[in-house]
PDB file of N, CA and C in Angstrom:
ATOM      1  N   MET A   1     -18.190 -16.552  -4.889  1.00  0.00           N
ATOM      2  CA  MET A   1     -16.909 -16.959  -4.342  1.00  0.00           C
ATOM      3  C   MET A   1     -16.524 -15.974  -3.234  1.00  0.00           C
ATOM      4  N   SER A   2     -16.071 -16.492  -2.138  1.00  0.00           N
ATOM      5  CA  SER A   2     -15.680 -15.636  -1.022  1.00  0.00           C
ATOM      6  C   SER A   2     -14.292 -15.029  -1.263  1.00  0.00           C
ATOM      7  N   LYS A   3     -13.992 -14.015  -0.486  1.00  0.00           N
ATOM      8  CA  LYS A   3     -12.661 -13.400  -0.573  1.00  0.00           C
ATOM      9  C   LYS A   3     -11.574 -14.419  -0.246  1.00  0.00           C
ATOM     10  N   GLU A   4     -11.827 -15.247   0.733  1.00  0.00           N
ATOM     11  CA  GLU A   4     -10.845 -16.257   1.135  1.00  0.00           C
ATOM     12  C   GLU A   4     -10.609 -17.272   0.023  1.00  0.00           C
ATOM     13  N   GLU A   5     -11.697 -17.685  -0.632  1.00  0.00           N
ATOM     14  CA  GLU A   5     -11.567 -18.632  -1.741  1.00  0.00           C
ATOM     15  C   GLU A   5     -10.758 -18.025  -2.883  1.00  0.00           C
ATOM     16  N   PHE A   6     -11.086 -16.780  -3.237  1.00  0.00           N
ATOM     17  CA  PHE A   6     -10.359 -16.112  -4.315  1.00  0.00           C
ATOM     18  C   PHE A   6      -8.882 -15.959  -3.946  1.00  0.00           C
ATOM     19  N   ALA A   7      -8.615 -15.534  -2.734  1.00  0.00           N
ATOM     20  CA  ALA A   7      -7.232 -15.310  -2.291  1.00  0.00           C
ATOM     21  C   ALA A   7      -6.399 -16.586  -2.335  1.00  0.00           C
ATOM     22  N   SER A   8      -7.028 -17.721  -2.157  1.00  0.00           N
ATOM     23  CA  SER A   8      -6.273 -18.977  -2.132  1.00  0.00           C
ATOM     24  C   SER A   8      -6.051 -19.577  -3.526  1.00  0.00           C
ATOM     25  N   LEU A   9      -6.642 -18.988  -4.551  1.00  0.00           N
ATOM     26  CA  LEU A   9      -6.484 -19.512  -5.912  1.00  0.00           C
ATOM     27  C   LEU A   9      -5.078 -19.260  -6.454  1.00  0.00           C
ATOM     28  N   PRO A  10      -4.600 -20.126  -7.342  1.00  0.00           N
ATOM     29  CA  PRO A  10      -3.336 -19.835  -8.033  1.00  0.00           C
ATOM     30  C   PRO A  10      -3.513 -18.595  -8.922  1.00  0.00           C
ATOM     31  N   ILE A  11      -2.423 -17.917  -9.195  1.00  0.00           N
ATOM     32  CA  ILE A  11      -2.497 -16.648  -9.914  1.00  0.00           C
ATOM     33  C   ILE A  11      -3.163 -16.791 -11.285  1.00  0.00           C
ATOM     34  N   HIS A  12      -2.910 -17.875 -12.003  1.00  0.00           N
ATOM     35  CA  HIS A  12      -3.507 -18.019 -13.327  1.00  0.00           C
ATOM     36  C   HIS A  12      -5.029 -18.185 -13.252  1.00  0.00           C
ATOM     37  N   ILE A  13      -5.525 -18.757 -12.177  1.00  0.00           N
ATOM     38  CA  ILE A  13      -6.974 -18.879 -11.994  1.00  0.00           C
ATOM     39  C   ILE A  13      -7.562 -17.520 -11.580  1.00  0.00           C
ATOM     40  N   LYS A  14      -6.826 -16.778 -10.760  1.00  0.00           N
ATOM     41  CA  LYS A  14      -7.279 -15.432 -10.400  1.00  0.00           C
ATOM     42  C   LYS A  14      -7.425 -14.579 -11.661  1.00  0.00           C
ATOM     43  N   ILE A  15      -6.432 -14.649 -12.537  1.00  0.00           N
ATOM     44  CA  ILE A  15      -6.474 -13.872 -13.786  1.00  0.00           C
ATOM     45  C   ILE A  15      -7.681 -14.282 -14.624  1.00  0.00           C
ATOM     46  N   SER A  16      -7.880 -15.567 -14.771  1.00  0.00           N
ATOM     47  CA  SER A  16      -9.017 -16.065 -15.549  1.00  0.00           C
ATOM     48  C   SER A  16     -10.342 -15.621 -14.937  1.00  0.00           C
ATOM     49  N   THR A  17     -10.441 -15.698 -13.624  1.00  0.00           N
ATOM     50  CA  THR A  17     -11.659 -15.285 -12.931  1.00  0.00           C
ATOM     51  C   THR A  17     -11.933 -13.805 -13.153  1.00  0.00           C
ATOM     52  N   LEU A  18     -10.915 -12.977 -13.034  1.00  0.00           N
ATOM     53  CA  LEU A  18     -11.102 -11.544 -13.258  1.00  0.00           C
ATOM     54  C   LEU A  18     -11.514 -11.270 -14.700  1.00  0.00           C
ATOM     55  N   TYR A  19     -10.906 -11.973 -15.633  1.00  0.00           N
ATOM     56  CA  TYR A  19     -11.202 -11.772 -17.042  1.00  0.00           C
ATOM     57  C   TYR A  19     -12.636 -12.167 -17.388  1.00  0.00           C
ATOM     58  N   THR A  20     -13.136 -13.223 -16.771  1.00  0.00           N
ATOM     59  CA  THR A  20     -14.458 -13.732 -17.135  1.00  0.00           C
ATOM     60  C   THR A  20     -15.592 -13.254 -16.228  1.00  0.00           C
ATOM     61  N   GLU A  21     -15.276 -12.892 -14.983  1.00  0.00           N
ATOM     62  CA  GLU A  21     -16.344 -12.590 -14.036  1.00  0.00           C
ATOM     63  C   GLU A  21     -16.321 -11.174 -13.476  1.00  0.00           C
ATOM     64  N   ALA A  22     -15.249 -10.443 -13.668  1.00  0.00           N
ATOM     65  CA  ALA A  22     -15.137  -9.103 -13.085  1.00  0.00           C
ATOM     66  C   ALA A  22     -15.321  -8.033 -14.158  1.00  0.00           C
ATOM     67  N   VAL A  23     -15.479  -6.818 -13.684  1.00  0.00           N
ATOM     68  CA  VAL A  23     -15.601  -5.657 -14.564  1.00  0.00           C
ATOM     69  C   VAL A  23     -14.372  -4.778 -14.354  1.00  0.00           C
ATOM     70  N   PHE A  24     -13.688  -4.449 -15.452  1.00  0.00           N
ATOM     71  CA  PHE A  24     -12.551  -3.532 -15.362  1.00  0.00           C
ATOM     72  C   PHE A  24     -13.076  -2.145 -15.031  1.00  0.00           C
ATOM     73  N   VAL A  25     -12.445  -1.478 -14.066  1.00  0.00           N
ATOM     74  CA  VAL A  25     -12.883  -0.154 -13.637  1.00  0.00           C
ATOM     75  C   VAL A  25     -11.942   0.920 -14.166  1.00  0.00           C
ATOM     76  N   VAL A  26     -10.654   0.809 -13.833  1.00  0.00           N
ATOM     77  CA  VAL A  26      -9.698   1.850 -14.217  1.00  0.00           C
ATOM     78  C   VAL A  26      -8.281   1.317 -14.025  1.00  0.00           C
ATOM     79  N   GLY A  27      -7.341   1.908 -14.731  1.00  0.00           N
ATOM     80  CA  GLY A  27      -5.934   1.603 -14.542  1.00  0.00           C
ATOM     81  C   GLY A  27      -5.187   2.854 -14.123  1.00  0.00           C
ATOM     82  N   ILE A  28      -4.230   2.700 -13.218  1.00  0.00           N
ATOM     83  CA  ILE A  28      -3.410   3.818 -12.761  1.00  0.00           C
ATOM     84  C   ILE A  28      -1.941   3.404 -12.790  1.00  0.00           C
ATOM     85  N   ARG A  29      -1.071   4.387 -12.709  1.00  0.00           N
ATOM     86  CA  ARG A  29       0.356   4.141 -12.496  1.00  0.00           C
ATOM     87  C   ARG A  29       0.628   4.334 -11.012  1.00  0.00           C
ATOM     88  N   TYR A  30       1.367   3.382 -10.437  1.00  0.00           N
ATOM     89  CA  TYR A  30       1.685   3.446  -9.015  1.00  0.00           C
ATOM     90  C   TYR A  30       3.103   2.934  -8.828  1.00  0.00           C
ATOM     91  N   TYR A  31       4.023   3.856  -8.650  1.00  0.00           N
ATOM     92  CA  TYR A  31       5.443   3.548  -8.579  1.00  0.00           C
ATOM     93  C   TYR A  31       5.860   2.760  -9.816  1.00  0.00           C
ATOM     94  N   LYS A  32       6.378   1.551  -9.669  1.00  0.00           N
ATOM     95  CA  LYS A  32       6.873   0.809 -10.826  1.00  0.00           C
ATOM     96  C   LYS A  32       5.797  -0.066 -11.473  1.00  0.00           C
ATOM     97  N   HIS A  33       4.564   0.078 -11.054  1.00  0.00           N
ATOM     98  CA  HIS A  33       3.487  -0.783 -11.544  1.00  0.00           C
ATOM     99  C   HIS A  33       2.417  -0.020 -12.313  1.00  0.00           C
ATOM    100  N   LYS A  34       1.789  -0.734 -13.210  1.00  0.00           N
ATOM    101  CA  LYS A  34       0.497  -0.322 -13.729  1.00  0.00           C
ATOM    102  C   LYS A  34      -0.495  -1.148 -12.927  1.00  0.00           C
ATOM    103  N   VAL A  35      -1.423  -0.491 -12.280  1.00  0.00           N
ATOM    104  CA  VAL A  35      -2.386  -1.186 -11.431  1.00  0.00           C
ATOM    105  C   VAL A  35      -3.757  -1.094 -12.077  1.00  0.00           C
ATOM    106  N   ASN A  36      -4.321  -2.246 -12.393  1.00  0.00           N
ATOM    107  CA  ASN A  36      -5.671  -2.307 -12.931  1.00  0.00           C
ATOM    108  C   ASN A  36      -6.622  -2.665 -11.804  1.00  0.00           C
ATOM    109  N   LEU A  37      -7.708  -1.922 -11.736  1.00  0.00           N
ATOM    110  CA  LEU A  37      -8.714  -2.150 -10.702  1.00  0.00           C
ATOM    111  C   LEU A  37      -9.925  -2.824 -11.339  1.00  0.00           C
ATOM    112  N   TYR A  38     -10.371  -3.898 -10.705  1.00  0.00           N
ATOM    113  CA  TYR A  38     -11.534  -4.649 -11.172  1.00  0.00           C
ATOM    114  C   TYR A  38     -12.571  -4.725 -10.072  1.00  0.00           C
ATOM    115  N   LEU A  39     -13.832  -4.809 -10.467  1.00  0.00           N
ATOM    116  CA  LEU A  39     -14.917  -5.044  -9.519  1.00  0.00           C
ATOM    117  C   LEU A  39     -15.361  -6.492  -9.686  1.00  0.00           C
ATOM    118  N   LEU A  40     -15.151  -7.277  -8.645  1.00  0.00           N
ATOM    119  CA  LEU A  40     -15.521  -8.693  -8.630  1.00  0.00           C
ATOM    120  C   LEU A  40     -16.597  -8.861  -7.578  1.00  0.00           C
ATOM    121  N   GLU A  41     -17.812  -9.125  -8.046  1.00  0.00           N
ATOM    122  CA  GLU A  41     -18.983  -9.140  -7.178  1.00  0.00           C
ATOM    123  C   GLU A  41     -19.055  -7.782  -6.491  1.00  0.00           C
ATOM    124  N   ASN A  42     -18.879  -7.691  -5.189  1.00  0.00           N
ATOM    125  CA  ASN A  42     -18.938  -6.395  -4.498  1.00  0.00           C
ATOM    126  C   ASN A  42     -17.587  -5.949  -3.958  1.00  0.00           C
ATOM    127  N   GLU A  43     -16.523  -6.540  -4.455  1.00  0.00           N
ATOM    128  CA  GLU A  43     -15.192  -6.229  -3.951  1.00  0.00           C
ATOM    129  C   GLU A  43     -14.295  -5.717  -5.077  1.00  0.00           C
ATOM    130  N   TYR A  44     -13.442  -4.770  -4.734  1.00  0.00           N
ATOM    131  CA  TYR A  44     -12.460  -4.262  -5.686  1.00  0.00           C
ATOM    132  C   TYR A  44     -11.167  -5.058  -5.562  1.00  0.00           C
ATOM    133  N   VAL A  45     -10.617  -5.436  -6.717  1.00  0.00           N
ATOM    134  CA  VAL A  45      -9.398  -6.230  -6.778  1.00  0.00           C
ATOM    135  C   VAL A  45      -8.380  -5.470  -7.627  1.00  0.00           C
ATOM    136  N   GLU A  46      -7.149  -5.371  -7.121  1.00  0.00           N
ATOM    137  CA  GLU A  46      -6.071  -4.718  -7.853  1.00  0.00           C
ATOM    138  C   GLU A  46      -5.138  -5.762  -8.453  1.00  0.00           C
ATOM    139  N   VAL A  47      -4.716  -5.494  -9.674  1.00  0.00           N
ATOM    140  CA  VAL A  47      -3.720  -6.321 -10.349  1.00  0.00           C
ATOM    141  C   VAL A  47      -2.505  -5.443 -10.590  1.00  0.00           C
ATOM    142  N   PHE A  48      -1.379  -5.809  -9.973  1.00  0.00           N
ATOM    143  CA  PHE A  48      -0.144  -5.026 -10.072  1.00  0.00           C
ATOM    144  C   PHE A  48       0.733  -5.616 -11.164  1.00  0.00           C
ATOM    145  N   TYR A  49       0.834  -4.895 -12.273  1.00  0.00           N
ATOM    146  CA  TYR A  49       1.622  -5.361 -13.414  1.00  0.00           C
ATOM    147  C   TYR A  49       2.931  -4.573 -13.477  1.00  0.00           C
ATOM    148  N   ASN A  50       4.043  -5.301 -13.458  1.00  0.00           N
ATOM    149  CA  ASN A  50       5.373  -4.705 -13.563  1.00  0.00           C
ATOM    150  C   ASN A  50       5.769  -4.749 -15.032  1.00  0.00           C
ATOM    151  N   HIS A  51       5.686  -3.598 -15.714  1.00  0.00           N
ATOM    152  CA  HIS A  51       5.935  -3.591 -17.157  1.00  0.00           C
ATOM    153  C   HIS A  51       7.410  -3.805 -17.502  1.00  0.00           C
ATOM    154  N   LYS A  52       8.317  -3.437 -16.618  1.00  0.00           N
ATOM    155  CA  LYS A  52       9.742  -3.651 -16.905  1.00  0.00           C
ATOM    156  C   LYS A  52      10.090  -5.133 -16.885  1.00  0.00           C
ATOM    157  N   GLN A  53       9.462  -5.885 -16.011  1.00  0.00           N
ATOM    158  CA  GLN A  53       9.703  -7.323 -15.929  1.00  0.00           C
ATOM    159  C   GLN A  53       8.654  -8.132 -16.694  1.00  0.00           C
ATOM    160  N   ASP A  54       7.646  -7.434 -17.233  1.00  0.00           N
ATOM    161  CA  ASP A  54       6.563  -8.059 -17.992  1.00  0.00           C
ATOM    162  C   ASP A  54       5.923  -9.208 -17.217  1.00  0.00           C
ATOM    163  N   LYS A  55       5.504  -8.874 -15.977  1.00  0.00           N
ATOM    164  CA  LYS A  55       4.851  -9.896 -15.153  1.00  0.00           C
ATOM    165  C   LYS A  55       3.926  -9.252 -14.137  1.00  0.00           C
ATOM    166  N   ILE A  56       2.972 -10.033 -13.701  1.00  0.00           N
ATOM    167  CA  ILE A  56       2.077  -9.603 -12.636  1.00  0.00           C
ATOM    168  C   ILE A  56       2.740  -9.936 -11.310  1.00  0.00           C
ATOM    169  N   ASP A  57       2.940  -8.901 -10.498  1.00  0.00           N
ATOM    170  CA  ASP A  57       3.580  -9.098  -9.201  1.00  0.00           C
ATOM    171  C   ASP A  57       2.593  -9.486  -8.103  1.00  0.00           C
ATOM    172  N   LYS A  58       1.360  -8.984  -8.223  1.00  0.00           N
ATOM    173  CA  LYS A  58       0.421  -9.230  -7.131  1.00  0.00           C
ATOM    174  C   LYS A  58      -1.008  -9.016  -7.621  1.00  0.00           C
ATOM    175  N   ILE A  59      -1.908  -9.827  -7.110  1.00  0.00           N
ATOM    176  CA  ILE A  59      -3.346  -9.636  -7.279  1.00  0.00           C
ATOM    177  C   ILE A  59      -3.933  -9.690  -5.885  1.00  0.00           C
ATOM    178  N   ASP A  60      -4.597  -8.602  -5.489  1.00  0.00           N
ATOM    179  CA  ASP A  60      -5.088  -8.550  -4.116  1.00  0.00           C
ATOM    180  C   ASP A  60      -6.307  -7.647  -4.028  1.00  0.00           C
ATOM    181  N   PHE A  61      -7.097  -7.860  -2.983  1.00  0.00           N
ATOM    182  CA  PHE A  61      -8.242  -7.004  -2.728  1.00  0.00           C
ATOM    183  C   PHE A  61      -7.768  -5.627  -2.270  1.00  0.00           C
ATOM    184  N   LEU A  62      -8.482  -4.604  -2.707  1.00  0.00           N
ATOM    185  CA  LEU A  62      -8.185  -3.239  -2.277  1.00  0.00           C
ATOM    186  C   LEU A  62      -8.883  -2.986  -0.950  1.00  0.00           C
ATOM    187  N   GLN A  63      -8.106  -2.684   0.055  1.00  0.00           N
ATOM    188  CA  GLN A  63      -8.667  -2.351   1.359  1.00  0.00           C
ATOM    189  C   GLN A  63      -9.259  -0.943   1.287  1.00  0.00           C
ATOM    190  N   ARG A  64     -10.462  -0.788   1.762  1.00  0.00           N
ATOM    191  CA  ARG A  64     -11.182   0.495   1.616  1.00  0.00           C
ATOM    192  C   ARG A  64     -10.524   1.641   2.377  1.00  0.00           C
ATOM    193  N   ASP A  65      -9.671   1.342   3.342  1.00  0.00           N
ATOM    194  CA  ASP A  65      -8.998   2.405   4.090  1.00  0.00           C
ATOM    195  C   ASP A  65      -7.551   2.626   3.619  1.00  0.00           C
ATOM    196  N   HIS A  66      -7.160   2.004   2.521  1.00  0.00           N
ATOM    197  CA  HIS A  66      -5.794   2.153   2.011  1.00  0.00           C
ATOM    198  C   HIS A  66      -5.617   3.541   1.394  1.00  0.00           C
ATOM    199  N   THR A  67      -4.451   4.125   1.568  1.00  0.00           N
ATOM    200  CA  THR A  67      -4.192   5.460   1.019  1.00  0.00           C
ATOM    201  C   THR A  67      -4.281   5.500  -0.510  1.00  0.00           C
ATOM    202  N   ARG A  68      -4.087   4.367  -1.175  1.00  0.00           N
ATOM    203  CA  ARG A  68      -4.180   4.318  -2.633  1.00  0.00           C
ATOM    204  C   ARG A  68      -5.612   4.544  -3.112  1.00  0.00           C
ATOM    205  N   MET A  69      -6.561   4.399  -2.219  1.00  0.00           N
ATOM    206  CA  MET A  69      -7.970   4.591  -2.562  1.00  0.00           C
ATOM    207  C   MET A  69      -8.208   5.975  -3.184  1.00  0.00           C
ATOM    208  N   LYS A  70      -7.444   6.970  -2.760  1.00  0.00           N
ATOM    209  CA  LYS A  70      -7.654   8.330  -3.279  1.00  0.00           C
ATOM    210  C   LYS A  70      -7.448   8.409  -4.792  1.00  0.00           C
ATOM    211  N   PHE A  71      -6.654   7.510  -5.353  1.00  0.00           N
ATOM    212  CA  PHE A  71      -6.432   7.517  -6.803  1.00  0.00           C
ATOM    213  C   PHE A  71      -7.650   7.020  -7.573  1.00  0.00           C
ATOM    214  N   TYR A  72      -8.527   6.289  -6.894  1.00  0.00           N
ATOM    215  CA  TYR A  72      -9.683   5.676  -7.546  1.00  0.00           C
ATOM    216  C   TYR A  72     -11.004   6.372  -7.273  1.00  0.00           C
ATOM    217  N   LEU A  73     -11.063   7.255  -6.306  1.00  0.00           N
ATOM    218  CA  LEU A  73     -12.335   7.747  -5.802  1.00  0.00           C
ATOM    219  C   LEU A  73     -13.238   8.377  -6.861  1.00  0.00           C
ATOM    220  N   ASP A  74     -12.659   8.964  -7.888  1.00  0.00           N
ATOM    221  CA  ASP A  74     -13.506   9.559  -8.918  1.00  0.00           C
ATOM    222  C   ASP A  74     -14.065   8.521  -9.890  1.00  0.00           C
ATOM    223  N   GLN A  75     -13.608   7.258  -9.779  1.00  0.00           N
ATOM    224  CA  GLN A  75     -14.031   6.201 -10.698  1.00  0.00           C
ATOM    225  C   GLN A  75     -14.875   5.109 -10.055  1.00  0.00           C
ATOM    226  N   ILE A  76     -14.950   5.098  -8.724  1.00  0.00           N
ATOM    227  CA  ILE A  76     -15.646   3.993  -8.052  1.00  0.00           C
ATOM    228  C   ILE A  76     -16.756   4.500  -7.166  1.00  0.00           C
ATOM    229  N   LYS A  77     -17.611   3.575  -6.799  1.00  0.00           N
ATOM    230  CA  LYS A  77     -18.718   3.874  -5.892  1.00  0.00           C
ATOM    231  C   LYS A  77     -18.559   3.001  -4.657  1.00  0.00           C
ATOM    232  N   LEU A  78     -18.506   3.633  -3.513  1.00  0.00           N
ATOM    233  CA  LEU A  78     -18.417   2.900  -2.244  1.00  0.00           C
ATOM    234  C   LEU A  78     -19.772   2.895  -1.586  1.00  0.00           C
ATOM    235  N   ASP A  79     -20.212   1.722  -1.150  1.00  0.00           N
ATOM    236  CA  ASP A  79     -21.515   1.614  -0.474  1.00  0.00           C
ATOM    237  C   ASP A  79     -21.337   1.687   1.015  1.00  0.00           C
TER     238      ASP A  79
END
């Protein structure tokens, strides 16, 4: 599945896809979210969970040049 195809999926399908096809890498705290990082094929995907509202606010690909990358560097491998 391409990044564009995944991005266009409804959130419940994204969740199902991550659960069945991705590998959980690590979870971090980031401001008001718990962010879970998954490896889907060769791309890293972040799931932003707002625990106060008990909902997922966003599921998106992690851009390799994003400043948040520093929180993951000891847990991931970049090719």
